[in-house]
Protein backbone atom coordinates (compact mmCIF):
# COMPACT_ATOMS: atom_id res chain seq x y z
CA UNK A 1 7.65 -7.47 -9.37
CA UNK A 2 6.71 -7.12 -13.01
CA UNK A 3 5.45 -9.29 -15.84
CA UNK A 4 4.71 -8.06 -19.36
CA UNK A 5 2.87 -10.10 -22.00
CA UNK A 6 2.58 -9.06 -25.65
CA UNK A 7 -0.02 -11.23 -27.38
CA UNK A 8 -1.10 -11.43 -30.99
CA UNK A 9 -4.90 -11.53 -31.12
CA UNK A 10 -7.36 -11.48 -34.06
CA UNK A 11 -7.61 -7.67 -33.97
CA UNK A 12 -3.87 -7.07 -33.52
CA UNK A 13 -1.25 -6.97 -30.78
CA UNK A 14 -2.39 -6.52 -27.18
CA UNK A 15 -0.21 -5.82 -24.16
CA UNK A 16 -0.98 -7.03 -20.65
CA UNK A 17 0.99 -6.45 -17.48
CA UNK A 18 0.99 -7.73 -13.93
CA UNK A 19 2.47 -5.69 -11.08
CA UNK A 20 2.70 -7.44 -7.73
CA UNK A 21 3.78 -6.78 -4.17
CA UNK A 22 5.50 -10.16 -3.81
CA UNK A 23 7.97 -12.41 -5.58
CA UNK A 24 6.93 -14.85 -8.28
CA UNK A 25 7.82 -17.71 -5.97
CA UNK A 26 5.50 -20.71 -5.41
CA UNK A 27 7.02 -21.44 -2.00
CA UNK A 28 6.70 -18.02 -0.38
CA UNK A 29 3.31 -17.54 -2.04
CA UNK A 30 1.93 -20.10 0.43
CA UNK A 31 3.17 -18.09 3.40
CA UNK A 32 2.99 -14.44 2.38
CA UNK A 33 0.03 -12.09 1.98
CA UNK A 34 0.38 -10.20 -1.30
CA UNK A 35 -1.57 -8.25 -3.89
CA UNK A 36 -1.29 -7.91 -7.65
CA UNK A 37 -2.81 -5.85 -10.44
CA UNK A 38 -3.32 -7.49 -13.86
CA UNK A 39 -4.31 -4.92 -16.46
CA UNK A 40 -4.31 -3.88 -20.09
CA UNK A 41 -4.55 -0.18 -19.21
CA UNK A 42 -2.56 1.40 -22.09
CA UNK A 43 -0.83 4.00 -19.89
CA UNK A 44 0.34 1.39 -17.37
CA UNK A 45 1.35 -1.21 -19.96
CA UNK A 46 3.32 1.40 -21.92
CA UNK A 47 5.07 2.53 -18.74
CA UNK A 48 6.06 -1.04 -17.86
CA UNK A 49 7.21 -1.71 -21.44
CA UNK A 50 9.42 1.38 -21.30
CA UNK A 51 10.72 0.33 -17.87
CA UNK A 52 11.84 -3.04 -19.29
CA UNK A 53 13.63 -1.13 -22.05
CA UNK A 54 15.34 0.91 -19.32
CA UNK A 55 16.34 -2.25 -17.44
CA UNK A 56 17.82 -3.86 -20.54
CA UNK A 57 19.76 -0.76 -21.54
CA UNK A 58 17.69 0.14 -24.60
CA UNK A 59 16.37 3.35 -23.03
CA UNK A 60 17.30 6.08 -20.56
CA UNK A 61 13.67 6.68 -19.65
CA UNK A 62 13.24 8.78 -16.50
CA UNK A 63 9.64 9.99 -16.76
CA UNK A 64 6.57 7.74 -16.65
CA UNK A 65 2.87 8.39 -17.16
CA UNK A 66 1.47 6.55 -14.17
CA UNK A 67 3.97 4.39 -12.26
CA UNK A 68 6.47 5.51 -9.63
CA UNK A 69 9.92 3.97 -10.09
CA UNK A 70 12.84 3.99 -7.68
CA UNK A 71 15.48 5.28 -7.66
CA UNK A 72 14.10 7.73 -10.24
CA UNK A 73 10.93 9.30 -8.85
CA UNK A 74 9.37 7.05 -6.22
CA UNK A 75 10.39 8.91 -3.06
CA UNK A 76 9.49 12.30 -4.53
CA UNK A 77 6.20 10.87 -5.80
CA UNK A 78 5.27 9.68 -2.30
CA UNK A 79 6.38 12.95 -0.71
CA UNK A 80 4.30 14.93 -3.19
CA UNK A 81 1.20 12.89 -2.38
CA UNK A 82 1.79 13.35 1.36
CA UNK A 83 2.21 17.11 0.82
CA UNK A 84 -1.09 17.25 -1.07
CA UNK A 85 -2.85 15.42 1.76
CA UNK A 86 -1.19 17.76 4.28
CA UNK A 87 -2.49 20.81 2.41
CA UNK A 88 -6.01 19.37 2.42
CA UNK A 89 -5.81 18.71 6.16
CA UNK A 90 -4.48 22.21 6.85
CA UNK A 91 -7.40 23.61 4.87
CA UNK A 92 -9.92 21.71 6.95
CA UNK A 93 -10.83 19.30 4.16
CA UNK A 94 -11.22 15.53 4.34
CA UNK A 95 -7.73 14.07 4.62
CA UNK A 96 -6.40 10.65 5.60
CA UNK A 97 -3.34 8.55 4.90
CA UNK A 98 -3.09 4.78 5.34
CA UNK A 99 0.12 2.89 4.58
CA UNK A 100 0.56 -0.87 4.74
CA UNK A 101 4.25 -1.73 4.45
CA UNK A 102 6.93 -4.07 5.75
CA UNK A 103 9.19 -1.34 7.10
CA UNK A 104 9.12 2.44 7.62
CA UNK A 105 12.64 3.81 7.95
CA UNK A 106 13.21 6.66 5.44
CA UNK A 107 13.75 9.97 7.34
CA UNK A 108 12.28 12.22 4.64
CA UNK A 109 9.02 10.27 4.45
CA UNK A 110 8.80 10.08 8.25
CA UNK A 111 9.29 13.85 8.60
CA UNK A 112 6.63 14.41 5.94
CA UNK A 113 4.18 12.18 7.85
CA UNK A 114 4.91 14.16 11.03
CA UNK A 115 4.02 17.35 9.14
CA UNK A 116 0.81 15.75 7.90
CA UNK A 117 -0.15 14.81 11.47
CA UNK A 118 0.49 18.35 12.68
CA UNK A 119 -1.78 19.65 9.90
CA UNK A 120 -4.63 17.48 11.19
CA UNK A 121 -4.32 14.54 8.80
CA UNK A 122 -5.35 11.25 10.39
CA UNK A 123 -2.55 8.76 9.60
CA UNK A 124 -2.81 5.00 10.10
CA UNK A 125 0.31 2.93 9.50
CA UNK A 126 0.26 -0.86 9.30
CA UNK A 127 3.96 -1.69 9.58
CA UNK A 128 4.86 -5.33 10.04
CA UNK A 129 8.54 -4.89 10.89
CA UNK A 130 10.90 -2.00 11.58
CA UNK A 131 9.24 1.37 12.22
CA UNK A 132 11.42 4.38 13.05
CA UNK A 133 8.44 6.72 13.37
CA UNK A 134 7.10 7.37 16.88
CA UNK A 135 3.30 7.74 16.95
CA UNK A 136 1.23 9.64 19.51
CA UNK A 137 3.93 12.09 20.57
CA UNK A 138 2.37 15.36 21.76
CA UNK A 139 2.96 18.20 19.32
CA UNK A 140 4.59 15.90 16.78
CA UNK A 141 2.56 12.82 15.86
CA UNK A 142 -0.67 12.94 17.84
CA UNK A 143 -2.72 11.99 14.77
CA UNK A 144 -0.58 8.97 13.84
CA UNK A 145 -1.22 5.37 14.88
CA UNK A 146 1.04 2.41 14.11
CA UNK A 147 0.07 -1.25 14.31
CA UNK A 148 2.00 -4.42 13.51
CA UNK A 149 0.08 -7.61 12.67
CA UNK A 150 1.75 -10.95 13.38
CA UNK A 151 -0.17 -14.06 12.39
CA UNK A 152 -0.15 -17.31 10.50
CA UNK A 153 0.95 -15.57 7.31
CA UNK A 154 3.72 -13.06 6.75
CA UNK A 155 2.12 -9.68 6.03
CA UNK A 156 3.87 -8.65 2.83
CA UNK A 157 1.53 -6.49 0.72
CA UNK A 158 2.32 -2.80 0.29
CA UNK A 159 -0.57 -0.36 -0.10
CA UNK A 160 -0.39 3.45 -0.09
CA UNK A 161 -3.78 5.12 0.40
CA UNK A 162 -4.48 8.86 0.21
CA UNK A 163 -8.01 10.16 0.85
CA UNK A 164 -7.59 13.22 -1.39
CA UNK A 165 -10.79 14.92 -0.26
CA UNK A 166 -12.97 11.95 -1.20
CA UNK A 167 -11.23 11.21 -4.52
CA UNK A 168 -8.93 8.51 -3.21
CA UNK A 169 -5.48 7.91 -4.65
CA UNK A 170 -4.26 4.33 -4.09
CA UNK A 171 -1.01 2.64 -5.09
CA UNK A 172 0.32 -0.90 -4.65
CA UNK A 173 3.71 -2.37 -5.42
CA UNK A 174 6.99 -3.74 -4.18
CA UNK A 175 8.51 -0.71 -2.46
CA UNK A 176 8.94 -0.35 1.29
CA UNK A 177 9.78 3.00 2.86
CA UNK A 178 13.49 2.27 3.24
CA UNK A 179 16.61 3.82 1.72
CA UNK A 180 17.58 0.51 0.11
CA UNK A 181 14.19 0.39 -1.65
CA UNK A 182 14.04 4.05 -2.62
CA UNK A 183 17.71 4.67 -3.49
CA UNK A 184 19.49 1.40 -4.29
CA UNK A 185 16.91 -0.83 -5.96
CA UNK A 186 14.49 -0.63 -8.84
CA UNK A 187 11.03 -0.85 -7.28
CA UNK A 188 7.64 0.07 -8.72
CA UNK A 189 4.36 1.43 -7.39
CA UNK A 190 1.32 1.37 -9.67
CA UNK A 191 -1.92 3.35 -9.25
CA UNK A 192 -5.14 1.41 -8.74
CA UNK A 193 -7.64 3.26 -10.90
CA UNK A 194 -10.92 1.32 -10.80
CA UNK A 195 -13.28 2.63 -8.12
CA UNK A 196 -14.40 -0.86 -7.09
CA UNK A 197 -10.80 -1.94 -6.58
CA UNK A 198 -9.93 1.16 -4.57
CA UNK A 199 -13.02 0.59 -2.46
CA UNK A 200 -12.04 -3.03 -1.89
CA UNK A 201 -8.49 -2.12 -0.83
CA UNK A 202 -9.81 0.51 1.59
CA UNK A 203 -12.77 -1.36 3.08
CA UNK A 204 -11.88 -4.97 2.37
CA UNK A 205 -8.18 -4.93 3.28
CA UNK A 206 -6.93 -1.82 5.09
CA UNK A 207 -9.91 -1.27 7.37
CA UNK A 208 -10.02 -4.99 8.12
CA UNK A 209 -6.37 -4.92 9.20
CA UNK A 210 -6.97 -1.86 11.37
CA UNK A 211 -9.81 -3.71 13.18
CA UNK A 212 -7.57 -6.66 14.13
CA UNK A 213 -7.58 -7.56 17.84
CA UNK A 214 -6.06 -11.03 17.49
CA UNK A 215 -2.54 -10.58 16.13
CA UNK A 216 -2.23 -6.78 16.35
CA UNK A 217 0.43 -4.96 18.35
CA UNK A 218 0.16 -1.17 18.83
CA UNK A 219 3.35 0.88 18.79
CA UNK A 220 3.52 3.25 21.78
CA UNK A 221 5.19 6.70 21.84
CA UNK A 222 8.15 5.32 23.81
CA UNK A 223 8.89 2.63 21.20
CA UNK A 224 7.35 -0.32 23.05
CA UNK A 225 4.67 -2.52 21.50
CA UNK A 226 1.47 -3.40 23.36
CA UNK A 227 -0.64 -6.42 22.38
CA UNK A 228 -4.10 -5.22 21.35
CA UNK A 229 -7.06 -6.76 23.13
CA UNK A 230 -10.74 -6.75 22.14
CA UNK A 231 -13.01 -4.34 23.98
CA UNK A 232 -15.26 -5.73 26.69
CA UNK A 233 -16.29 -9.33 26.23
CA UNK A 234 -15.93 -9.35 22.45
CA UNK A 235 -14.11 -12.19 20.75
CA UNK A 236 -10.72 -11.40 19.19
CA UNK A 237 -10.99 -10.43 15.53
CA UNK A 238 -8.32 -11.86 13.22
CA UNK A 239 -7.88 -9.96 9.97
CA UNK A 240 -6.08 -12.91 8.38
CA UNK A 241 -8.86 -15.34 9.30
CA UNK A 242 -11.42 -12.89 7.91
CA UNK A 243 -9.58 -12.50 4.61
CA UNK A 244 -9.24 -16.28 4.26
CA UNK A 245 -12.99 -16.69 4.73
CA UNK A 246 -13.81 -13.81 2.34
CA UNK A 247 -11.64 -14.52 -0.73
CA UNK A 248 -12.48 -11.73 -3.16
CA UNK A 249 -10.57 -13.48 -5.94
CA UNK A 250 -13.15 -16.26 -6.30
CA UNK A 251 -15.77 -16.27 -9.04
CA UNK A 252 -18.26 -14.06 -7.22
CA UNK A 253 -15.80 -11.15 -7.58
CA UNK A 254 -14.75 -8.22 -5.45
CA UNK A 255 -18.10 -6.43 -5.41
CA UNK A 256 -20.10 -9.54 -4.53
CA UNK A 257 -17.70 -10.34 -1.68
CA UNK A 258 -18.18 -6.88 -0.22
CA UNK A 259 -21.96 -6.88 -0.67
CA UNK A 260 -22.19 -10.15 1.25
CA UNK A 261 -20.73 -8.44 4.34
CA UNK A 262 -23.15 -5.48 4.41
């Protein structure tokens, strides 16, 4: 989901772009949870400008500076990042993968995640819908956990998080891990570069979802889902209710919202 704005300003032309995980639709926007990045980063804006040229037939562009584009390089880009995380885990270094997607179906990505688990990488997958990966299988996926969150809103945002030894690599965009997304559609993932934004996505979104005990269902090794319950006498924790009460997009900003919770 892309928007490109070229604006004439007093000091010349400036380019801005928005890359989102959801449709530009005022109806579904009231029901879906989504994320977007609005930026004037020259590498990203140039990539998106060249992608629009590709879409309109003015270019045969296949290589991009920052973004991953299906069906050109998105699958291989994800696989390469998983392989890097796997190598770090095999070497005993800090390694973790967290995906938040609608569906996880693609066999190549699933096999790569299995390899990461076997190398000691801790993998958390927040998959709302179809998941063809089996977590917690001895000798195959012991380090993988899968949770589906069903609540008031349709979980729709896609986030791909790689720990990278403490130098996190984070992408957001429209692509799910499905053949139709990776092979038969044009989808885009964009890197989130600002440290404060990467920290917010990790601590303020992904970790919050993983703590959910209200609408969370854990996928078991045999393919069944088990409703998650809070430990002891604790009250159920709803990630969606938390995010509604901690809107980082208000004037106080992302950092202030996170500081208020410490």
